[in-house]
């Protein structure tokens, strides 16, 4: 921060972790900081595609469209001086390549928060979340296993500023 009247340097927060690892909980905590905006993929997908996402191919199609639509918006928010918590999974090389493009074009610092949580804990949390029926999407153990089979932990070679949460 350069003075008491200027905004802090905007930061892009990214999240990596399996379903049920606590990404959205951490995202909400990070978004509690001043001048920080939370953008939730789940909230946008539920609003834009109600009842349309029931299998992995549906998610891939809809999430891809959402990423395309959000990229310029996220960059504009960062350029306006706001920090952004992007509650979109950065769980695959392709998802992180998209995020890397945002970082490079926005020219802002970033943090890739890696929630390294055992599958058994994630599944327990997921079952509890499903039982509450407050989340827009219900995910079975089988869907968890399928989606998790695509998960790739961040690698040093990707060049992200990784903050590991165990």
N, C-alpha and C. Protein backbone atom coordinates (compact mmCIF):
# COMPACT_ATOMS: atom_id res chain seq x y z
N UNK A 1 0.85 -1.16 0.00
CA UNK A 1 0.00 0.00 0.00
C UNK A 1 0.90 1.22 0.00
N UNK A 2 0.58 2.20 -0.87
CA UNK A 2 1.43 3.36 -0.99
C UNK A 2 1.02 4.51 -0.09
N UNK A 3 -0.25 4.62 0.23
CA UNK A 3 -0.70 5.66 1.16
C UNK A 3 -1.98 5.19 1.82
N UNK A 4 -2.42 5.96 2.82
CA UNK A 4 -3.62 5.56 3.55
C UNK A 4 -4.89 5.74 2.72
N UNK A 5 -4.81 6.47 1.62
CA UNK A 5 -6.00 6.68 0.80
C UNK A 5 -6.04 5.77 -0.43
N UNK A 6 -4.97 5.06 -0.71
CA UNK A 6 -4.97 4.19 -1.89
C UNK A 6 -5.33 2.76 -1.48
N UNK A 7 -5.81 2.03 -2.45
CA UNK A 7 -6.16 0.63 -2.22
C UNK A 7 -4.90 -0.22 -2.16
N UNK A 8 -4.94 -1.33 -1.42
CA UNK A 8 -3.80 -2.25 -1.45
C UNK A 8 -3.65 -2.83 -2.85
N UNK A 9 -2.49 -3.37 -3.15
CA UNK A 9 -2.27 -4.01 -4.45
C UNK A 9 -3.27 -5.15 -4.59
N UNK A 10 -4.00 -5.19 -5.70
CA UNK A 10 -4.97 -6.28 -5.88
C UNK A 10 -4.28 -7.63 -5.97
N UNK A 11 -4.96 -8.63 -5.47
CA UNK A 11 -4.44 -10.01 -5.43
C UNK A 11 -5.51 -10.92 -6.03
N UNK A 12 -5.07 -11.88 -6.83
CA UNK A 12 -5.97 -12.91 -7.34
C UNK A 12 -5.72 -14.18 -6.53
N UNK A 13 -6.75 -14.63 -5.82
CA UNK A 13 -6.68 -15.86 -5.05
C UNK A 13 -7.34 -16.98 -5.85
N UNK A 14 -6.62 -18.08 -6.02
CA UNK A 14 -7.10 -19.25 -6.74
C UNK A 14 -7.17 -20.42 -5.75
N UNK A 15 -8.01 -21.40 -6.06
CA UNK A 15 -8.21 -22.52 -5.15
C UNK A 15 -8.04 -23.85 -5.86
N UNK A 16 -7.29 -24.73 -5.21
CA UNK A 16 -7.04 -26.07 -5.74
C UNK A 16 -7.31 -27.07 -4.63
N UNK A 17 -8.16 -28.02 -4.90
CA UNK A 17 -8.47 -29.05 -3.92
C UNK A 17 -9.66 -29.86 -4.39
N UNK A 18 -9.72 -31.08 -3.95
CA UNK A 18 -10.83 -31.95 -4.36
C UNK A 18 -12.15 -31.47 -3.77
N UNK A 19 -13.24 -32.00 -4.30
CA UNK A 19 -14.57 -31.67 -3.79
C UNK A 19 -14.60 -32.03 -2.30
N UNK A 20 -15.08 -31.10 -1.50
CA UNK A 20 -15.18 -31.34 -0.07
C UNK A 20 -13.92 -31.01 0.71
N UNK A 21 -12.90 -30.49 0.03
CA UNK A 21 -11.65 -30.18 0.72
C UNK A 21 -11.72 -28.88 1.52
N UNK A 22 -12.73 -28.06 1.25
CA UNK A 22 -12.88 -26.81 1.98
C UNK A 22 -12.58 -25.57 1.16
N UNK A 23 -12.59 -25.71 -0.17
CA UNK A 23 -12.27 -24.56 -1.03
C UNK A 23 -13.24 -23.40 -0.81
N UNK A 24 -14.53 -23.67 -0.80
CA UNK A 24 -15.51 -22.59 -0.66
C UNK A 24 -15.48 -21.96 0.73
N UNK A 25 -15.19 -22.77 1.74
CA UNK A 25 -15.06 -22.23 3.10
C UNK A 25 -13.87 -21.29 3.17
N UNK A 26 -12.73 -21.71 2.63
CA UNK A 26 -11.56 -20.85 2.60
C UNK A 26 -11.82 -19.62 1.75
N UNK A 27 -12.49 -19.79 0.62
CA UNK A 27 -12.79 -18.66 -0.26
C UNK A 27 -13.58 -17.59 0.50
N UNK A 28 -14.58 -18.01 1.26
CA UNK A 28 -15.38 -17.06 2.03
C UNK A 28 -14.52 -16.33 3.05
N UNK A 29 -13.60 -17.03 3.68
CA UNK A 29 -12.71 -16.39 4.65
C UNK A 29 -11.81 -15.37 3.96
N UNK A 30 -11.23 -15.75 2.84
CA UNK A 30 -10.35 -14.83 2.10
C UNK A 30 -11.11 -13.60 1.63
N UNK A 31 -12.35 -13.81 1.22
CA UNK A 31 -13.17 -12.70 0.71
C UNK A 31 -13.61 -11.74 1.80
N UNK A 32 -13.36 -12.10 3.06
CA UNK A 32 -13.69 -11.21 4.17
C UNK A 32 -12.72 -10.06 4.32
N UNK A 33 -11.65 -10.07 3.54
CA UNK A 33 -10.68 -8.98 3.60
C UNK A 33 -11.24 -7.74 2.88
N UNK A 34 -10.84 -6.55 3.32
CA UNK A 34 -11.32 -5.33 2.65
C UNK A 34 -10.96 -5.32 1.16
N UNK A 35 -11.82 -4.75 0.37
CA UNK A 35 -11.61 -4.56 -1.07
C UNK A 35 -11.40 -5.89 -1.80
N UNK A 36 -12.11 -6.91 -1.34
CA UNK A 36 -11.96 -8.25 -1.92
C UNK A 36 -13.33 -8.78 -2.30
N UNK A 37 -13.43 -9.30 -3.50
CA UNK A 37 -14.68 -9.82 -4.05
C UNK A 37 -14.57 -11.31 -4.29
N UNK A 38 -15.61 -12.04 -3.89
CA UNK A 38 -15.69 -13.48 -4.12
C UNK A 38 -16.51 -13.75 -5.38
N UNK A 39 -15.98 -14.59 -6.27
CA UNK A 39 -16.73 -15.06 -7.43
C UNK A 39 -16.79 -16.58 -7.33
N UNK A 40 -17.99 -17.11 -7.16
CA UNK A 40 -18.20 -18.54 -6.94
C UNK A 40 -18.71 -19.22 -8.20
N UNK A 41 -17.94 -20.18 -8.69
CA UNK A 41 -18.35 -20.94 -9.86
C UNK A 41 -19.68 -21.65 -9.60
N UNK A 42 -19.81 -22.29 -8.45
CA UNK A 42 -21.04 -23.03 -8.14
C UNK A 42 -22.26 -22.12 -8.19
N UNK A 43 -22.16 -20.93 -7.61
CA UNK A 43 -23.30 -20.01 -7.60
C UNK A 43 -23.67 -19.59 -9.03
N UNK A 44 -22.66 -19.26 -9.83
CA UNK A 44 -22.94 -18.85 -11.20
C UNK A 44 -23.49 -20.00 -12.04
N UNK A 45 -22.92 -21.19 -11.90
CA UNK A 45 -23.42 -22.33 -12.67
C UNK A 45 -24.86 -22.66 -12.29
N UNK A 46 -25.17 -22.62 -11.00
CA UNK A 46 -26.53 -22.92 -10.55
C UNK A 46 -27.52 -21.88 -11.09
N UNK A 47 -27.11 -20.62 -11.15
CA UNK A 47 -27.99 -19.57 -11.64
C UNK A 47 -28.16 -19.61 -13.16
N UNK A 48 -27.08 -19.88 -13.87
CA UNK A 48 -27.13 -19.86 -15.33
C UNK A 48 -27.64 -21.15 -15.96
N UNK A 49 -27.41 -22.27 -15.28
CA UNK A 49 -27.75 -23.58 -15.85
C UNK A 49 -28.56 -24.42 -14.88
N UNK A 50 -29.68 -23.90 -14.38
CA UNK A 50 -30.45 -24.68 -13.38
C UNK A 50 -30.94 -26.01 -13.98
N UNK A 51 -30.65 -27.09 -13.27
CA UNK A 51 -31.10 -28.41 -13.69
C UNK A 51 -30.37 -28.99 -14.89
N UNK A 52 -29.36 -28.30 -15.41
CA UNK A 52 -28.67 -28.77 -16.61
C UNK A 52 -27.38 -29.54 -16.34
N UNK A 53 -26.91 -29.52 -15.09
CA UNK A 53 -25.63 -30.16 -14.79
C UNK A 53 -25.89 -31.37 -13.92
N UNK A 54 -25.85 -32.55 -14.55
CA UNK A 54 -26.08 -33.78 -13.81
C UNK A 54 -24.95 -34.79 -13.99
N UNK A 55 -24.05 -34.52 -14.91
CA UNK A 55 -22.93 -35.42 -15.17
C UNK A 55 -21.69 -34.59 -15.51
N UNK A 56 -20.53 -35.23 -15.44
CA UNK A 56 -19.27 -34.53 -15.68
C UNK A 56 -19.22 -33.79 -17.03
N UNK A 57 -19.67 -34.39 -18.13
CA UNK A 57 -19.64 -33.65 -19.40
C UNK A 57 -20.48 -32.36 -19.36
N UNK A 58 -21.60 -32.39 -18.62
CA UNK A 58 -22.42 -31.17 -18.48
C UNK A 58 -21.62 -30.09 -17.77
N UNK A 59 -20.95 -30.48 -16.68
CA UNK A 59 -20.14 -29.53 -15.93
C UNK A 59 -19.04 -28.94 -16.81
N UNK A 60 -18.32 -29.80 -17.52
CA UNK A 60 -17.21 -29.34 -18.36
C UNK A 60 -17.70 -28.32 -19.39
N UNK A 61 -18.83 -28.61 -20.02
CA UNK A 61 -19.39 -27.70 -21.03
C UNK A 61 -19.78 -26.37 -20.40
N UNK A 62 -20.54 -26.41 -19.34
CA UNK A 62 -21.05 -25.18 -18.72
C UNK A 62 -19.94 -24.37 -18.05
N UNK A 63 -19.04 -25.05 -17.37
CA UNK A 63 -17.93 -24.35 -16.70
C UNK A 63 -17.02 -23.70 -17.73
N UNK A 64 -16.82 -24.34 -18.87
CA UNK A 64 -16.01 -23.75 -19.92
C UNK A 64 -16.61 -22.46 -20.44
N UNK A 65 -17.91 -22.46 -20.62
CA UNK A 65 -18.60 -21.23 -21.05
C UNK A 65 -18.46 -20.14 -20.01
N UNK A 66 -18.62 -20.52 -18.74
CA UNK A 66 -18.52 -19.54 -17.67
C UNK A 66 -17.12 -18.94 -17.60
N UNK A 67 -16.10 -19.77 -17.74
CA UNK A 67 -14.72 -19.25 -17.71
C UNK A 67 -14.50 -18.25 -18.83
N UNK A 68 -14.99 -18.57 -20.01
CA UNK A 68 -14.86 -17.65 -21.14
C UNK A 68 -15.52 -16.31 -20.82
N UNK A 69 -16.70 -16.36 -20.26
CA UNK A 69 -17.44 -15.13 -19.96
C UNK A 69 -16.81 -14.34 -18.83
N UNK A 70 -16.20 -15.00 -17.88
CA UNK A 70 -15.68 -14.33 -16.68
C UNK A 70 -14.28 -13.75 -16.84
N UNK A 71 -13.50 -14.23 -17.77
CA UNK A 71 -12.09 -13.84 -17.85
C UNK A 71 -11.91 -12.33 -17.91
N UNK A 72 -12.56 -11.67 -18.84
CA UNK A 72 -12.40 -10.21 -18.96
C UNK A 72 -12.96 -9.49 -17.74
N UNK A 73 -14.04 -10.01 -17.18
CA UNK A 73 -14.65 -9.40 -16.00
C UNK A 73 -13.68 -9.46 -14.81
N UNK A 74 -13.06 -10.60 -14.59
CA UNK A 74 -12.11 -10.75 -13.49
C UNK A 74 -10.94 -9.80 -13.69
N UNK A 75 -10.42 -9.72 -14.90
CA UNK A 75 -9.31 -8.80 -15.18
C UNK A 75 -9.73 -7.36 -14.94
N UNK A 76 -10.95 -6.99 -15.29
CA UNK A 76 -11.43 -5.63 -15.06
C UNK A 76 -11.54 -5.33 -13.56
N UNK A 77 -12.00 -6.27 -12.78
CA UNK A 77 -12.09 -6.07 -11.33
C UNK A 77 -10.70 -5.86 -10.74
N UNK A 78 -9.75 -6.68 -11.16
CA UNK A 78 -8.38 -6.53 -10.68
C UNK A 78 -7.79 -5.19 -11.11
N UNK A 79 -8.05 -4.78 -12.35
CA UNK A 79 -7.55 -3.49 -12.84
C UNK A 79 -8.17 -2.32 -12.08
N UNK A 80 -9.38 -2.52 -11.56
CA UNK A 80 -10.06 -1.47 -10.79
C UNK A 80 -9.53 -1.42 -9.34
N UNK A 81 -8.62 -2.31 -9.01
CA UNK A 81 -8.00 -2.28 -7.69
C UNK A 81 -8.59 -3.22 -6.67
N UNK A 82 -9.54 -4.06 -7.08
CA UNK A 82 -10.12 -5.03 -6.16
C UNK A 82 -9.35 -6.33 -6.20
N UNK A 83 -9.21 -6.96 -5.06
CA UNK A 83 -8.71 -8.33 -5.03
C UNK A 83 -9.87 -9.26 -5.34
N UNK A 84 -9.57 -10.39 -5.94
CA UNK A 84 -10.61 -11.35 -6.33
C UNK A 84 -10.26 -12.72 -5.79
N UNK A 85 -11.24 -13.34 -5.14
CA UNK A 85 -11.14 -14.73 -4.74
C UNK A 85 -11.96 -15.51 -5.76
N UNK A 86 -11.29 -16.26 -6.58
CA UNK A 86 -11.94 -17.00 -7.65
C UNK A 86 -12.20 -18.42 -7.17
N UNK A 87 -13.42 -18.65 -6.70
CA UNK A 87 -13.79 -19.97 -6.19
C UNK A 87 -14.21 -20.85 -7.37
N UNK A 88 -13.24 -21.06 -8.25
CA UNK A 88 -13.33 -21.98 -9.38
C UNK A 88 -12.22 -23.00 -9.13
N UNK A 89 -12.47 -24.28 -9.34
CA UNK A 89 -11.38 -25.23 -9.08
C UNK A 89 -10.22 -25.05 -10.05
N UNK A 90 -9.02 -24.99 -9.50
CA UNK A 90 -7.80 -24.97 -10.29
C UNK A 90 -7.14 -26.34 -10.10
N UNK A 91 -7.89 -27.38 -10.48
CA UNK A 91 -7.54 -28.76 -10.15
C UNK A 91 -6.88 -29.54 -11.26
N UNK A 92 -6.84 -28.99 -12.44
CA UNK A 92 -6.22 -29.68 -13.57
C UNK A 92 -5.22 -28.74 -14.23
N UNK A 93 -4.37 -29.29 -15.04
CA UNK A 93 -3.40 -28.45 -15.75
C UNK A 93 -4.13 -27.44 -16.64
N UNK A 94 -5.21 -27.86 -17.29
CA UNK A 94 -5.94 -26.95 -18.17
C UNK A 94 -6.61 -25.82 -17.38
N UNK A 95 -7.20 -26.15 -16.24
CA UNK A 95 -7.82 -25.11 -15.41
C UNK A 95 -6.78 -24.12 -14.92
N UNK A 96 -5.62 -24.62 -14.55
CA UNK A 96 -4.57 -23.71 -14.08
C UNK A 96 -3.95 -22.92 -15.23
N UNK A 97 -3.92 -23.48 -16.42
CA UNK A 97 -3.44 -22.71 -17.58
C UNK A 97 -4.36 -21.53 -17.84
N UNK A 98 -5.67 -21.74 -17.71
CA UNK A 98 -6.64 -20.64 -17.84
C UNK A 98 -6.35 -19.57 -16.78
N UNK A 99 -6.15 -20.00 -15.55
CA UNK A 99 -5.87 -19.07 -14.45
C UNK A 99 -4.55 -18.34 -14.69
N UNK A 100 -3.55 -19.05 -15.20
CA UNK A 100 -2.26 -18.43 -15.51
C UNK A 100 -2.44 -17.31 -16.52
N UNK A 101 -3.31 -17.54 -17.51
CA UNK A 101 -3.60 -16.49 -18.49
C UNK A 101 -4.20 -15.25 -17.84
N UNK A 102 -5.08 -15.44 -16.87
CA UNK A 102 -5.65 -14.31 -16.13
C UNK A 102 -4.55 -13.54 -15.42
N UNK A 103 -3.70 -14.27 -14.72
CA UNK A 103 -2.61 -13.65 -13.96
C UNK A 103 -1.70 -12.86 -14.88
N UNK A 104 -1.29 -13.48 -15.96
CA UNK A 104 -0.36 -12.84 -16.88
C UNK A 104 -0.96 -11.59 -17.52
N UNK A 105 -2.22 -11.66 -17.92
CA UNK A 105 -2.85 -10.50 -18.57
C UNK A 105 -3.19 -9.41 -17.57
N UNK A 106 -3.53 -9.78 -16.35
CA UNK A 106 -3.88 -8.78 -15.34
C UNK A 106 -2.64 -8.16 -14.71
N UNK A 107 -1.55 -8.90 -14.69
CA UNK A 107 -0.32 -8.38 -14.13
C UNK A 107 -0.39 -8.11 -12.63
N UNK A 108 -1.09 -8.99 -11.91
CA UNK A 108 -1.22 -8.81 -10.46
C UNK A 108 -0.62 -10.01 -9.74
N UNK A 109 -0.28 -9.82 -8.47
CA UNK A 109 0.17 -10.98 -7.69
C UNK A 109 -0.97 -11.96 -7.48
N UNK A 110 -0.61 -13.18 -7.15
CA UNK A 110 -1.63 -14.21 -6.95
C UNK A 110 -1.20 -15.16 -5.84
N UNK A 111 -2.15 -15.94 -5.38
CA UNK A 111 -1.90 -17.04 -4.46
C UNK A 111 -2.75 -18.21 -4.95
N UNK A 112 -2.13 -19.35 -5.10
CA UNK A 112 -2.86 -20.58 -5.41
C UNK A 112 -2.95 -21.36 -4.10
N UNK A 113 -4.12 -21.37 -3.51
CA UNK A 113 -4.34 -22.05 -2.24
C UNK A 113 -4.64 -23.52 -2.54
N UNK A 114 -3.71 -24.40 -2.13
CA UNK A 114 -3.83 -25.83 -2.37
C UNK A 114 -4.30 -26.49 -1.08
N UNK A 115 -5.54 -26.98 -1.09
CA UNK A 115 -6.11 -27.67 0.06
C UNK A 115 -5.83 -29.16 -0.11
N UNK A 116 -4.82 -29.62 0.59
CA UNK A 116 -4.33 -31.00 0.47
C UNK A 116 -4.99 -31.82 1.58
N UNK A 117 -6.17 -32.34 1.29
CA UNK A 117 -7.00 -33.02 2.28
C UNK A 117 -7.23 -34.46 1.81
N UNK A 118 -7.12 -35.44 2.72
CA UNK A 118 -7.33 -36.85 2.31
C UNK A 118 -8.73 -37.09 1.75
N UNK A 119 -8.81 -38.02 0.81
CA UNK A 119 -10.09 -38.36 0.17
C UNK A 119 -11.16 -38.73 1.20
N UNK A 120 -10.81 -39.47 2.22
CA UNK A 120 -11.80 -39.91 3.21
C UNK A 120 -12.43 -38.70 3.91
N UNK A 121 -11.63 -37.70 4.21
CA UNK A 121 -12.16 -36.48 4.85
C UNK A 121 -13.06 -35.73 3.87
N UNK A 122 -12.62 -35.63 2.63
CA UNK A 122 -13.43 -34.95 1.60
C UNK A 122 -14.79 -35.64 1.44
N UNK A 123 -14.77 -36.97 1.38
CA UNK A 123 -16.02 -37.71 1.21
C UNK A 123 -16.94 -37.54 2.41
N UNK A 124 -16.39 -37.54 3.61
CA UNK A 124 -17.22 -37.32 4.81
C UNK A 124 -17.87 -35.94 4.75
N UNK A 125 -17.08 -34.94 4.41
CA UNK A 125 -17.61 -33.58 4.29
C UNK A 125 -18.66 -33.49 3.19
N UNK A 126 -18.40 -34.17 2.09
CA UNK A 126 -19.33 -34.16 0.96
C UNK A 126 -20.67 -34.80 1.35
N UNK A 127 -20.61 -35.91 2.06
CA UNK A 127 -21.85 -36.56 2.50
C UNK A 127 -22.62 -35.64 3.45
N UNK A 128 -21.92 -34.96 4.34
CA UNK A 128 -22.59 -34.03 5.26
C UNK A 128 -23.21 -32.88 4.48
N UNK A 129 -22.49 -32.36 3.48
CA UNK A 129 -23.02 -31.27 2.64
C UNK A 129 -24.25 -31.73 1.87
N UNK A 130 -24.20 -32.94 1.33
CA UNK A 130 -25.35 -33.48 0.60
C UNK A 130 -26.55 -33.63 1.52
N UNK A 131 -26.33 -34.07 2.76
CA UNK A 131 -27.42 -34.27 3.71
C UNK A 131 -28.11 -32.96 4.07
N UNK A 132 -27.35 -31.87 4.10
CA UNK A 132 -27.94 -30.56 4.40
C UNK A 132 -28.79 -30.03 3.25
N UNK A 133 -28.47 -30.46 2.04
CA UNK A 133 -29.21 -30.06 0.82
C UNK A 133 -29.23 -28.54 0.63
N UNK A 134 -28.19 -27.86 1.09
CA UNK A 134 -28.10 -26.41 0.92
C UNK A 134 -27.21 -26.02 -0.26
N UNK A 135 -26.40 -26.94 -0.72
CA UNK A 135 -25.49 -26.69 -1.84
C UNK A 135 -26.25 -26.92 -3.14
N UNK A 136 -25.96 -26.15 -4.19
CA UNK A 136 -26.73 -26.31 -5.43
C UNK A 136 -26.50 -27.63 -6.16
N UNK A 137 -25.43 -28.34 -5.82
CA UNK A 137 -25.13 -29.59 -6.52
C UNK A 137 -24.93 -30.72 -5.52
N UNK A 138 -25.49 -31.88 -5.84
CA UNK A 138 -25.32 -33.10 -5.04
C UNK A 138 -24.28 -33.95 -5.75
N UNK A 139 -23.28 -34.40 -5.01
CA UNK A 139 -22.21 -35.21 -5.59
C UNK A 139 -22.10 -36.52 -4.84
N UNK A 140 -22.23 -37.62 -5.56
CA UNK A 140 -22.14 -38.96 -4.95
C UNK A 140 -20.67 -39.34 -4.77
N UNK A 141 -20.45 -40.41 -4.01
CA UNK A 141 -19.09 -40.95 -3.85
C UNK A 141 -18.51 -41.35 -5.21
N UNK A 142 -19.35 -41.93 -6.06
CA UNK A 142 -18.89 -42.36 -7.38
C UNK A 142 -18.48 -41.15 -8.23
N UNK A 143 -19.28 -40.08 -8.16
CA UNK A 143 -18.93 -38.86 -8.91
C UNK A 143 -17.65 -38.24 -8.35
N UNK A 144 -17.51 -38.26 -7.03
CA UNK A 144 -16.28 -37.78 -6.40
C UNK A 144 -15.07 -38.53 -6.97
N UNK A 145 -15.17 -39.86 -7.00
CA UNK A 145 -14.06 -40.67 -7.51
C UNK A 145 -13.75 -40.36 -8.97
N UNK A 146 -14.79 -40.20 -9.78
CA UNK A 146 -14.58 -39.88 -11.19
C UNK A 146 -13.92 -38.52 -11.35
N UNK A 147 -14.47 -37.51 -10.70
CA UNK A 147 -13.93 -36.15 -10.81
C UNK A 147 -12.51 -36.11 -10.25
N UNK A 148 -12.28 -36.78 -9.13
CA UNK A 148 -10.95 -36.79 -8.51
C UNK A 148 -9.91 -37.48 -9.37
N UNK A 149 -10.34 -38.36 -10.27
CA UNK A 149 -9.37 -39.05 -11.14
C UNK A 149 -8.69 -38.06 -12.10
N UNK A 150 -9.26 -36.89 -12.28
CA UNK A 150 -8.68 -35.86 -13.15
C UNK A 150 -7.81 -34.87 -12.37
N UNK A 151 -7.82 -34.96 -11.05
CA UNK A 151 -7.10 -34.02 -10.21
C UNK A 151 -5.59 -34.15 -10.39
N UNK A 152 -4.92 -33.01 -10.53
CA UNK A 152 -3.46 -32.97 -10.60
C UNK A 152 -3.01 -31.90 -9.62
N UNK A 153 -2.22 -32.30 -8.64
CA UNK A 153 -1.69 -31.34 -7.66
C UNK A 153 -0.79 -30.33 -8.37
N UNK A 154 -0.73 -29.12 -7.86
CA UNK A 154 0.13 -28.10 -8.48
C UNK A 154 1.60 -28.53 -8.47
N UNK A 155 2.27 -28.16 -9.54
CA UNK A 155 3.69 -28.49 -9.69
C UNK A 155 4.50 -27.20 -9.66
N UNK A 156 5.70 -27.28 -9.14
CA UNK A 156 6.58 -26.11 -9.10
C UNK A 156 6.80 -25.53 -10.50
N UNK A 157 6.87 -26.40 -11.50
CA UNK A 157 7.14 -25.96 -12.87
C UNK A 157 6.04 -25.07 -13.45
N UNK A 158 4.86 -25.07 -12.81
CA UNK A 158 3.77 -24.22 -13.30
C UNK A 158 3.96 -22.75 -12.90
N UNK A 159 4.82 -22.51 -11.93
CA UNK A 159 5.15 -21.13 -11.57
C UNK A 159 4.13 -20.39 -10.72
N UNK A 160 3.29 -21.11 -9.99
CA UNK A 160 2.32 -20.46 -9.13
C UNK A 160 2.92 -20.20 -7.74
N UNK A 161 2.40 -19.19 -7.08
CA UNK A 161 2.74 -18.93 -5.69
C UNK A 161 1.76 -19.76 -4.85
N UNK A 162 2.19 -20.96 -4.48
CA UNK A 162 1.30 -21.93 -3.83
C UNK A 162 1.35 -21.75 -2.30
N UNK A 163 0.16 -21.71 -1.71
CA UNK A 163 0.02 -21.73 -0.27
C UNK A 163 -0.69 -23.04 0.04
N UNK A 164 0.02 -23.93 0.74
CA UNK A 164 -0.53 -25.26 1.02
C UNK A 164 -1.28 -25.26 2.34
N UNK A 165 -2.50 -25.79 2.29
CA UNK A 165 -3.34 -25.94 3.48
C UNK A 165 -3.57 -27.43 3.67
N UNK A 166 -3.05 -27.98 4.79
CA UNK A 166 -3.19 -29.42 5.03
C UNK A 166 -4.32 -29.67 6.02
